[in-house]
């Protein structure tokens, strides 16, 4: 393999998107409220399949398979911190 091909195979194509998400700063209460409502506190895909009171199986959370999971969760945390620290709001409704 050439060095260029090896570099392309190991290059992170989502790096620019990750950097953009990590660089977002929250300075608007409306935006912070929107992010807290839009980004769930827990993985919405985790489920227990229960039939007639018996747990058949458990579907594990798959959010961590999302390549942007850490940045999205960090963005929600920034929004929560902004609302609590800067705006003095109670954020327990979002937890």
PDB file of N, CA and C in Angstrom:
ATOM      1  N   UNK A   1       0.828  -1.188   0.000  1.00  0.00           N
ATOM      2  CA  UNK A   1       0.000   0.000   0.000  1.00  0.00           C
ATOM      3  C   UNK A   1       0.867   1.243   0.000  1.00  0.00           C
ATOM      4  N   UNK A   2       0.407   2.205  -0.722  1.00  0.00           N
ATOM      5  CA  UNK A   2       1.137   3.464  -0.701  1.00  0.00           C
ATOM      6  C   UNK A   2       0.783   4.240   0.559  1.00  0.00           C
ATOM      7  N   UNK A   3       1.590   5.210   0.871  1.00  0.00           N
ATOM      8  CA  UNK A   3       1.355   6.022   2.068  1.00  0.00           C
ATOM      9  C   UNK A   3       0.059   6.821   1.962  1.00  0.00           C
ATOM     10  N   UNK A   4      -0.271   7.266   0.765  1.00  0.00           N
ATOM     11  CA  UNK A   4      -1.494   8.059   0.577  1.00  0.00           C
ATOM     12  C   UNK A   4      -2.722   7.203   0.873  1.00  0.00           C
ATOM     13  N   UNK A   5      -2.750   6.007   0.358  1.00  0.00           N
ATOM     14  CA  UNK A   5      -3.884   5.111   0.592  1.00  0.00           C
ATOM     15  C   UNK A   5      -3.968   4.749   2.072  1.00  0.00           C
ATOM     16  N   UNK A   6      -2.858   4.471   2.683  1.00  0.00           N
ATOM     17  CA  UNK A   6      -2.831   4.149   4.102  1.00  0.00           C
ATOM     18  C   UNK A   6      -3.348   5.325   4.932  1.00  0.00           C
ATOM     19  N   UNK A   7      -2.943   6.547   4.563  1.00  0.00           N
ATOM     20  CA  UNK A   7      -3.416   7.742   5.269  1.00  0.00           C
ATOM     21  C   UNK A   7      -4.929   7.890   5.109  1.00  0.00           C
ATOM     22  N   UNK A   8      -5.433   7.692   3.890  1.00  0.00           N
ATOM     23  CA  UNK A   8      -6.869   7.840   3.651  1.00  0.00           C
ATOM     24  C   UNK A   8      -7.689   6.797   4.396  1.00  0.00           C
ATOM     25  N   UNK A   9      -7.165   5.605   4.548  1.00  0.00           N
ATOM     26  CA  UNK A   9      -7.882   4.569   5.274  1.00  0.00           C
ATOM     27  C   UNK A   9      -7.980   4.889   6.757  1.00  0.00           C
ATOM     28  N   UNK A  10      -7.000   5.564   7.292  1.00  0.00           N
ATOM     29  CA  UNK A  10      -6.979   5.874   8.711  1.00  0.00           C
ATOM     30  C   UNK A  10      -7.445   7.290   9.020  1.00  0.00           C
ATOM     31  N   UNK A  11      -7.703   8.090   8.003  1.00  0.00           N
ATOM     32  CA  UNK A  11      -8.138   9.464   8.223  1.00  0.00           C
ATOM     33  C   UNK A  11      -9.574   9.476   8.737  1.00  0.00           C
ATOM     34  N   UNK A  12      -9.847  10.383   9.619  1.00  0.00           N
ATOM     35  CA  UNK A  12     -11.174  10.534  10.191  1.00  0.00           C
ATOM     36  C   UNK A  12     -11.947  11.532   9.341  1.00  0.00           C
ATOM     37  N   UNK A  13     -12.879  11.036   8.534  1.00  0.00           N
ATOM     38  CA  UNK A  13     -13.600  11.920   7.628  1.00  0.00           C
ATOM     39  C   UNK A  13     -14.604  12.807   8.368  1.00  0.00           C
ATOM     40  N   UNK A  14     -14.966  12.446   9.592  1.00  0.00           N
ATOM     41  CA  UNK A  14     -15.892  13.263  10.367  1.00  0.00           C
ATOM     42  C   UNK A  14     -15.184  14.271  11.272  1.00  0.00           C
ATOM     43  N   UNK A  15     -13.877  14.333  11.194  1.00  0.00           N
ATOM     44  CA  UNK A  15     -13.118  15.245  12.051  1.00  0.00           C
ATOM     45  C   UNK A  15     -13.583  16.698  11.928  1.00  0.00           C
ATOM     46  N   UNK A  16     -13.795  17.232  10.719  1.00  0.00           N
ATOM     47  CA  UNK A  16     -14.259  18.622  10.625  1.00  0.00           C
ATOM     48  C   UNK A  16     -15.618  18.845  11.299  1.00  0.00           C
ATOM     49  N   UNK A  17     -16.514  17.878  11.179  1.00  0.00           N
ATOM     50  CA  UNK A  17     -17.831  17.998  11.812  1.00  0.00           C
ATOM     51  C   UNK A  17     -17.685  17.954  13.325  1.00  0.00           C
ATOM     52  N   UNK A  18     -16.836  17.057  13.809  1.00  0.00           N
ATOM     53  CA  UNK A  18     -16.586  16.989  15.245  1.00  0.00           C
ATOM     54  C   UNK A  18     -16.036  18.305  15.780  1.00  0.00           C
ATOM     55  N   UNK A  19     -15.107  18.892  15.044  1.00  0.00           N
ATOM     56  CA  UNK A  19     -14.508  20.157  15.458  1.00  0.00           C
ATOM     57  C   UNK A  19     -15.551  21.277  15.493  1.00  0.00           C
ATOM     58  N   UNK A  20     -16.425  21.319  14.486  1.00  0.00           N
ATOM     59  CA  UNK A  20     -17.478  22.346  14.448  1.00  0.00           C
ATOM     60  C   UNK A  20     -18.426  22.188  15.634  1.00  0.00           C
ATOM     61  N   UNK A  21     -18.837  20.958  15.923  1.00  0.00           N
ATOM     62  CA  UNK A  21     -19.743  20.728  17.047  1.00  0.00           C
ATOM     63  C   UNK A  21     -19.078  21.071  18.376  1.00  0.00           C
ATOM     64  N   UNK A  22     -17.821  20.745  18.510  1.00  0.00           N
ATOM     65  CA  UNK A  22     -17.102  21.030  19.751  1.00  0.00           C
ATOM     66  C   UNK A  22     -16.865  22.529  19.945  1.00  0.00           C
ATOM     67  N   UNK A  23     -16.817  23.279  18.862  1.00  0.00           N
ATOM     68  CA  UNK A  23     -16.536  24.710  18.946  1.00  0.00           C
ATOM     69  C   UNK A  23     -17.778  25.557  19.204  1.00  0.00           C
ATOM     70  N   UNK A  24     -18.956  24.960  19.116  1.00  0.00           N
ATOM     71  CA  UNK A  24     -20.186  25.730  19.326  1.00  0.00           C
ATOM     72  C   UNK A  24     -20.262  26.187  20.774  1.00  0.00           C
ATOM     73  N   UNK A  25     -20.513  27.464  20.938  1.00  0.00           N
ATOM     74  CA  UNK A  25     -20.704  28.031  22.264  1.00  0.00           C
ATOM     75  C   UNK A  25     -22.149  28.488  22.383  1.00  0.00           C
ATOM     76  N   UNK A  26     -22.715  28.326  23.546  1.00  0.00           N
ATOM     77  CA  UNK A  26     -24.107  28.663  23.768  1.00  0.00           C
ATOM     78  C   UNK A  26     -24.175  30.029  24.451  1.00  0.00           C
ATOM     79  N   UNK A  27     -24.865  30.979  23.799  1.00  0.00           N
ATOM     80  CA  UNK A  27     -25.037  32.315  24.363  1.00  0.00           C
ATOM     81  C   UNK A  27     -26.482  32.792  24.222  1.00  0.00           C
ATOM     82  N   UNK A  28     -27.386  31.885  23.893  1.00  0.00           N
ATOM     83  CA  UNK A  28     -28.770  32.251  23.648  1.00  0.00           C
ATOM     84  C   UNK A  28     -29.677  31.286  24.408  1.00  0.00           C
ATOM     85  N   UNK A  29     -30.543  31.786  25.297  1.00  0.00           N
ATOM     86  CA  UNK A  29     -31.413  30.885  26.062  1.00  0.00           C
ATOM     87  C   UNK A  29     -32.367  30.066  25.193  1.00  0.00           C
ATOM     88  N   UNK A  30     -32.852  30.656  24.107  1.00  0.00           N
ATOM     89  CA  UNK A  30     -33.768  29.906  23.224  1.00  0.00           C
ATOM     90  C   UNK A  30     -33.048  28.727  22.581  1.00  0.00           C
ATOM     91  N   UNK A  31     -31.830  28.958  22.139  1.00  0.00           N
ATOM     92  CA  UNK A  31     -31.036  27.881  21.549  1.00  0.00           C
ATOM     93  C   UNK A  31     -30.740  26.813  22.594  1.00  0.00           C
ATOM     94  N   UNK A  32     -30.405  27.235  23.801  1.00  0.00           N
ATOM     95  CA  UNK A  32     -30.104  26.277  24.873  1.00  0.00           C
ATOM     96  C   UNK A  32     -31.325  25.430  25.199  1.00  0.00           C
ATOM     97  N   UNK A  33     -32.491  26.048  25.288  1.00  0.00           N
ATOM     98  CA  UNK A  33     -33.722  25.281  25.553  1.00  0.00           C
ATOM     99  C   UNK A  33     -34.010  24.308  24.406  1.00  0.00           C
ATOM    100  N   UNK A  34     -33.814  24.760  23.172  1.00  0.00           N
ATOM    101  CA  UNK A  34     -34.043  23.894  22.022  1.00  0.00           C
ATOM    102  C   UNK A  34     -33.119  22.677  22.063  1.00  0.00           C
ATOM    103  N   UNK A  35     -31.843  22.896  22.335  1.00  0.00           N
ATOM    104  CA  UNK A  35     -30.894  21.782  22.378  1.00  0.00           C
ATOM    105  C   UNK A  35     -31.224  20.806  23.500  1.00  0.00           C
ATOM    106  N   UNK A  36     -31.624  21.327  24.646  1.00  0.00           N
ATOM    107  CA  UNK A  36     -31.962  20.451  25.773  1.00  0.00           C
ATOM    108  C   UNK A  36     -33.203  19.607  25.486  1.00  0.00           C
ATOM    109  N   UNK A  37     -34.130  20.173  24.716  1.00  0.00           N
ATOM    110  CA  UNK A  37     -35.334  19.416  24.346  1.00  0.00           C
ATOM    111  C   UNK A  37     -35.060  18.440  23.202  1.00  0.00           C
ATOM    112  N   UNK A  38     -34.225  18.842  22.256  1.00  0.00           N
ATOM    113  CA  UNK A  38     -33.984  18.033  21.061  1.00  0.00           C
ATOM    114  C   UNK A  38     -33.031  16.869  21.302  1.00  0.00           C
ATOM    115  N   UNK A  39     -32.075  17.032  22.196  1.00  0.00           N
ATOM    116  CA  UNK A  39     -31.087  15.986  22.459  1.00  0.00           C
ATOM    117  C   UNK A  39     -31.515  15.242  23.722  1.00  0.00           C
ATOM    118  N   UNK A  40     -31.844  13.962  23.609  1.00  0.00           N
ATOM    119  CA  UNK A  40     -32.329  13.224  24.782  1.00  0.00           C
ATOM    120  C   UNK A  40     -31.241  13.007  25.838  1.00  0.00           C
ATOM    121  N   UNK A  41     -31.685  12.929  27.096  1.00  0.00           N
ATOM    122  CA  UNK A  41     -30.757  12.698  28.205  1.00  0.00           C
ATOM    123  C   UNK A  41     -30.259  11.262  28.220  1.00  0.00           C
ATOM    124  N   UNK A  42     -31.088  10.346  27.751  1.00  0.00           N
ATOM    125  CA  UNK A  42     -30.720   8.933  27.684  1.00  0.00           C
ATOM    126  C   UNK A  42     -30.926   8.448  26.266  1.00  0.00           C
ATOM    127  N   UNK A  43     -30.293   7.366  25.941  1.00  0.00           N
ATOM    128  CA  UNK A  43     -30.430   6.793  24.609  1.00  0.00           C
ATOM    129  C   UNK A  43     -31.875   6.357  24.386  1.00  0.00           C
ATOM    130  N   UNK A  44     -32.545   6.885  23.367  1.00  0.00           N
ATOM    131  CA  UNK A  44     -33.951   6.540  23.160  1.00  0.00           C
ATOM    132  C   UNK A  44     -34.167   5.155  22.567  1.00  0.00           C
ATOM    133  N   UNK A  45     -33.117   4.467  22.194  1.00  0.00           N
ATOM    134  CA  UNK A  45     -33.273   3.175  21.545  1.00  0.00           C
ATOM    135  C   UNK A  45     -33.202   2.007  22.519  1.00  0.00           C
ATOM    136  N   UNK A  46     -32.802   2.253  23.741  1.00  0.00           N
ATOM    137  CA  UNK A  46     -32.701   1.179  24.713  1.00  0.00           C
ATOM    138  C   UNK A  46     -34.105   0.785  25.164  1.00  0.00           C
ATOM    139  N   UNK A  47     -34.426  -0.489  25.059  1.00  0.00           N
ATOM    140  CA  UNK A  47     -35.769  -0.965  25.390  1.00  0.00           C
ATOM    141  C   UNK A  47     -35.719  -2.368  25.987  1.00  0.00           C
ATOM    142  N   UNK A  48     -36.717  -2.658  26.790  1.00  0.00           N
ATOM    143  CA  UNK A  48     -36.988  -4.023  27.226  1.00  0.00           C
ATOM    144  C   UNK A  48     -38.267  -4.454  26.528  1.00  0.00           C
ATOM    145  N   UNK A  49     -38.234  -5.577  25.845  1.00  0.00           N
ATOM    146  CA  UNK A  49     -39.417  -6.092  25.186  1.00  0.00           C
ATOM    147  C   UNK A  49     -40.141  -7.002  26.173  1.00  0.00           C
ATOM    148  N   UNK A  50     -41.295  -6.530  26.634  1.00  0.00           N
ATOM    149  CA  UNK A  50     -42.064  -7.256  27.655  1.00  0.00           C
ATOM    150  C   UNK A  50     -43.400  -7.664  27.057  1.00  0.00           C
ATOM    151  N   UNK A  51     -43.722  -8.935  27.151  1.00  0.00           N
ATOM    152  CA  UNK A  51     -44.993  -9.470  26.667  1.00  0.00           C
ATOM    153  C   UNK A  51     -45.644 -10.243  27.803  1.00  0.00           C
ATOM    154  N   UNK A  52     -46.871  -9.862  28.146  1.00  0.00           N
ATOM    155  CA  UNK A  52     -47.621 -10.488  29.238  1.00  0.00           C
ATOM    156  C   UNK A  52     -46.834 -10.508  30.547  1.00  0.00           C
ATOM    157  N   UNK A  53     -46.111  -9.436  30.798  1.00  0.00           N
ATOM    158  CA  UNK A  53     -45.366  -9.321  32.041  1.00  0.00           C
ATOM    159  C   UNK A  53     -44.025 -10.040  32.062  1.00  0.00           C
ATOM    160  N   UNK A  54     -43.658 -10.691  30.975  1.00  0.00           N
ATOM    161  CA  UNK A  54     -42.375 -11.401  30.903  1.00  0.00           C
ATOM    162  C   UNK A  54     -41.417 -10.639  29.986  1.00  0.00           C
ATOM    163  N   UNK A  55     -40.234 -10.432  30.475  1.00  0.00           N
ATOM    164  CA  UNK A  55     -39.211  -9.760  29.679  1.00  0.00           C
ATOM    165  C   UNK A  55     -38.628 -10.765  28.699  1.00  0.00           C
ATOM    166  N   UNK A  56     -38.889 -10.539  27.404  1.00  0.00           N
ATOM    167  CA  UNK A  56     -38.381 -11.445  26.377  1.00  0.00           C
ATOM    168  C   UNK A  56     -36.912 -11.186  26.082  1.00  0.00           C
ATOM    169  N   UNK A  57     -36.562  -9.931  25.866  1.00  0.00           N
ATOM    170  CA  UNK A  57     -35.162  -9.585  25.654  1.00  0.00           C
ATOM    171  C   UNK A  57     -34.966  -8.090  25.827  1.00  0.00           C
ATOM    172  N   UNK A  58     -33.718  -7.711  25.900  1.00  0.00           N
ATOM    173  CA  UNK A  58     -33.317  -6.319  26.117  1.00  0.00           C
ATOM    174  C   UNK A  58     -32.580  -5.818  24.882  1.00  0.00           C
ATOM    175  N   UNK A  59     -33.021  -4.676  24.368  1.00  0.00           N
ATOM    176  CA  UNK A  59     -32.322  -4.045  23.259  1.00  0.00           C
ATOM    177  C   UNK A  59     -31.338  -3.049  23.877  1.00  0.00           C
ATOM    178  N   UNK A  60     -30.044  -3.263  23.720  1.00  0.00           N
ATOM    179  CA  UNK A  60     -29.051  -2.387  24.374  1.00  0.00           C
ATOM    180  C   UNK A  60     -29.003  -1.013  23.711  1.00  0.00           C
ATOM    181  N   UNK A  61     -28.498  -0.017  24.436  1.00  0.00           N
ATOM    182  CA  UNK A  61     -28.375   1.310  23.833  1.00  0.00           C
ATOM    183  C   UNK A  61     -27.333   1.287  22.720  1.00  0.00           C
ATOM    184  N   UNK A  62     -27.705   1.833  21.592  1.00  0.00           N
ATOM    185  CA  UNK A  62     -26.788   1.840  20.455  1.00  0.00           C
ATOM    186  C   UNK A  62     -26.294   3.236  20.125  1.00  0.00           C
ATOM    187  N   UNK A  63     -26.575   4.196  20.990  1.00  0.00           N
ATOM    188  CA  UNK A  63     -26.166   5.573  20.715  1.00  0.00           C
ATOM    189  C   UNK A  63     -24.654   5.706  20.628  1.00  0.00           C
ATOM    190  N   UNK A  64     -23.936   4.914  21.388  1.00  0.00           N
ATOM    191  CA  UNK A  64     -22.476   5.035  21.373  1.00  0.00           C
ATOM    192  C   UNK A  64     -21.875   4.554  20.058  1.00  0.00           C
ATOM    193  N   UNK A  65     -22.682   3.922  19.219  1.00  0.00           N
ATOM    194  CA  UNK A  65     -22.213   3.556  17.889  1.00  0.00           C
ATOM    195  C   UNK A  65     -22.227   4.760  16.950  1.00  0.00           C
ATOM    196  N   UNK A  66     -22.955   5.796  17.345  1.00  0.00           N
ATOM    197  CA  UNK A  66     -23.003   7.032  16.571  1.00  0.00           C
ATOM    198  C   UNK A  66     -21.628   7.699  16.647  1.00  0.00           C
ATOM    199  N   UNK A  67     -21.009   7.988  15.510  1.00  0.00           N
ATOM    200  CA  UNK A  67     -19.662   8.559  15.546  1.00  0.00           C
ATOM    201  C   UNK A  67     -19.607   9.980  16.109  1.00  0.00           C
ATOM    202  N   UNK A  68     -20.746  10.649  16.216  1.00  0.00           N
ATOM    203  CA  UNK A  68     -20.784  12.010  16.749  1.00  0.00           C
ATOM    204  C   UNK A  68     -21.427  12.060  18.129  1.00  0.00           C
ATOM    205  N   UNK A  69     -21.589  10.918  18.768  1.00  0.00           N
ATOM    206  CA  UNK A  69     -22.291  10.826  20.051  1.00  0.00           C
ATOM    207  C   UNK A  69     -21.665  11.726  21.116  1.00  0.00           C
ATOM    208  N   UNK A  70     -20.366  11.661  21.279  1.00  0.00           N
ATOM    209  CA  UNK A  70     -19.690  12.439  22.325  1.00  0.00           C
ATOM    210  C   UNK A  70     -19.877  13.938  22.119  1.00  0.00           C
ATOM    211  N   UNK A  71     -19.811  14.401  20.881  1.00  0.00           N
ATOM    212  CA  UNK A  71     -19.942  15.821  20.612  1.00  0.00           C
ATOM    213  C   UNK A  71     -21.380  16.297  20.841  1.00  0.00           C
ATOM    214  N   UNK A  72     -22.355  15.486  20.471  1.00  0.00           N
ATOM    215  CA  UNK A  72     -23.755  15.864  20.660  1.00  0.00           C
ATOM    216  C   UNK A  72     -24.096  15.908  22.149  1.00  0.00           C
ATOM    217  N   UNK A  73     -23.644  14.926  22.905  1.00  0.00           N
ATOM    218  CA  UNK A  73     -23.880  14.917  24.350  1.00  0.00           C
ATOM    219  C   UNK A  73     -23.169  16.101  25.005  1.00  0.00           C
ATOM    220  N   UNK A  74     -21.997  16.419  24.538  1.00  0.00           N
ATOM    221  CA  UNK A  74     -21.263  17.570  25.061  1.00  0.00           C
ATOM    222  C   UNK A  74     -22.007  18.874  24.763  1.00  0.00           C
ATOM    223  N   UNK A  75     -22.611  18.972  23.603  1.00  0.00           N
ATOM    224  CA  UNK A  75     -23.385  20.160  23.246  1.00  0.00           C
ATOM    225  C   UNK A  75     -24.590  20.316  24.163  1.00  0.00           C
ATOM    226  N   UNK A  76     -25.257  19.216  24.475  1.00  0.00           N
ATOM    227  CA  UNK A  76     -26.386  19.260  25.401  1.00  0.00           C
ATOM    228  C   UNK A  76     -25.910  19.689  26.793  1.00  0.00           C
ATOM    229  N   UNK A  77     -24.770  19.186  27.206  1.00  0.00           N
ATOM    230  CA  UNK A  77     -24.222  19.559  28.509  1.00  0.00           C
ATOM    231  C   UNK A  77     -23.887  21.049  28.556  1.00  0.00           C
ATOM    232  N   UNK A  78     -23.313  21.579  27.472  1.00  0.00           N
ATOM    233  CA  UNK A  78     -23.015  23.006  27.406  1.00  0.00           C
ATOM    234  C   UNK A  78     -24.297  23.831  27.545  1.00  0.00           C
ATOM    235  N   UNK A  79     -25.366  23.371  26.884  1.00  0.00           N
ATOM    236  CA  UNK A  79     -26.641  24.088  26.955  1.00  0.00           C
ATOM    237  C   UNK A  79     -27.201  24.047  28.372  1.00  0.00           C
ATOM    238  N   UNK A  80     -27.125  22.889  29.024  1.00  0.00           N
ATOM    239  CA  UNK A  80     -27.594  22.784  30.403  1.00  0.00           C
ATOM    240  C   UNK A  80     -26.784  23.681  31.335  1.00  0.00           C
ATOM    241  N   UNK A  81     -25.489  23.689  31.173  1.00  0.00           N
ATOM    242  CA  UNK A  81     -24.632  24.538  32.008  1.00  0.00           C
ATOM    243  C   UNK A  81     -24.924  26.014  31.781  1.00  0.00           C
ATOM    244  N   UNK A  82     -25.159  26.397  30.541  1.00  0.00           N
ATOM    245  CA  UNK A  82     -25.483  27.785  30.249  1.00  0.00           C
ATOM    246  C   UNK A  82     -26.776  28.194  30.946  1.00  0.00           C
ATOM    247  N   UNK A  83     -27.804  27.346  30.838  1.00  0.00           N
ATOM    248  CA  UNK A  83     -29.079  27.673  31.467  1.00  0.00           C
ATOM    249  C   UNK A  83     -28.955  27.752  32.984  1.00  0.00           C
ATOM    250  N   UNK A  84     -28.201  26.836  33.567  1.00  0.00           N
ATOM    251  CA  UNK A  84     -28.074  26.809  35.027  1.00  0.00           C
ATOM    252  C   UNK A  84     -27.156  27.913  35.537  1.00  0.00           C
ATOM    253  N   UNK A  85     -26.003  28.089  34.919  1.00  0.00           N
ATOM    254  CA  UNK A  85     -24.997  29.017  35.434  1.00  0.00           C
ATOM    255  C   UNK A  85     -25.244  30.461  35.011  1.00  0.00           C
ATOM    256  N   UNK A  86     -25.479  30.669  33.734  1.00  0.00           N
ATOM    257  CA  UNK A  86     -25.612  32.029  33.209  1.00  0.00           C
ATOM    258  C   UNK A  86     -27.022  32.596  33.386  1.00  0.00           C
ATOM    259  N   UNK A  87     -28.039  31.752  33.161  1.00  0.00           N
ATOM    260  CA  UNK A  87     -29.421  32.238  33.220  1.00  0.00           C
ATOM    261  C   UNK A  87     -30.048  32.007  34.586  1.00  0.00           C
ATOM    262  N   UNK A  88     -29.447  31.156  35.414  1.00  0.00           N
ATOM    263  CA  UNK A  88     -29.979  30.878  36.735  1.00  0.00           C
ATOM    264  C   UNK A  88     -31.272  30.091  36.732  1.00  0.00           C
ATOM    265  N   UNK A  89     -31.487  29.308  35.691  1.00  0.00           N
ATOM    266  CA  UNK A  89     -32.718  28.527  35.569  1.00  0.00           C
ATOM    267  C   UNK A  89     -32.556  27.164  36.218  1.00  0.00           C
ATOM    268  N   UNK A  90     -33.689  26.589  36.591  1.00  0.00           N
ATOM    269  CA  UNK A  90     -33.729  25.237  37.124  1.00  0.00           C
ATOM    270  C   UNK A  90     -33.774  24.267  35.947  1.00  0.00           C
ATOM    271  N   UNK A  91     -32.786  23.405  35.810  1.00  0.00           N
ATOM    272  CA  UNK A  91     -32.701  22.507  34.661  1.00  0.00           C
ATOM    273  C   UNK A  91     -33.117  21.080  35.007  1.00  0.00           C
ATOM    274  N   UNK A  92     -33.729  20.877  36.168  1.00  0.00           N
ATOM    275  CA  UNK A  92     -34.113  19.513  36.554  1.00  0.00           C
ATOM    276  C   UNK A  92     -35.159  18.934  35.607  1.00  0.00           C
ATOM    277  N   UNK A  93     -35.897  19.774  34.906  1.00  0.00           N
ATOM    278  CA  UNK A  93     -36.893  19.271  33.942  1.00  0.00           C
ATOM    279  C   UNK A  93     -36.218  18.569  32.764  1.00  0.00           C
ATOM    280  N   UNK A  94     -34.974  18.891  32.499  1.00  0.00           N
ATOM    281  CA  UNK A  94     -34.255  18.301  31.372  1.00  0.00           C
ATOM    282  C   UNK A  94     -33.419  17.084  31.758  1.00  0.00           C
ATOM    283  N   UNK A  95     -33.395  16.744  33.021  1.00  0.00           N
ATOM    284  CA  UNK A  95     -32.566  15.620  33.465  1.00  0.00           C
ATOM    285  C   UNK A  95     -33.351  14.336  33.547  1.00  0.00           C
TER     286      UNK A  95
END
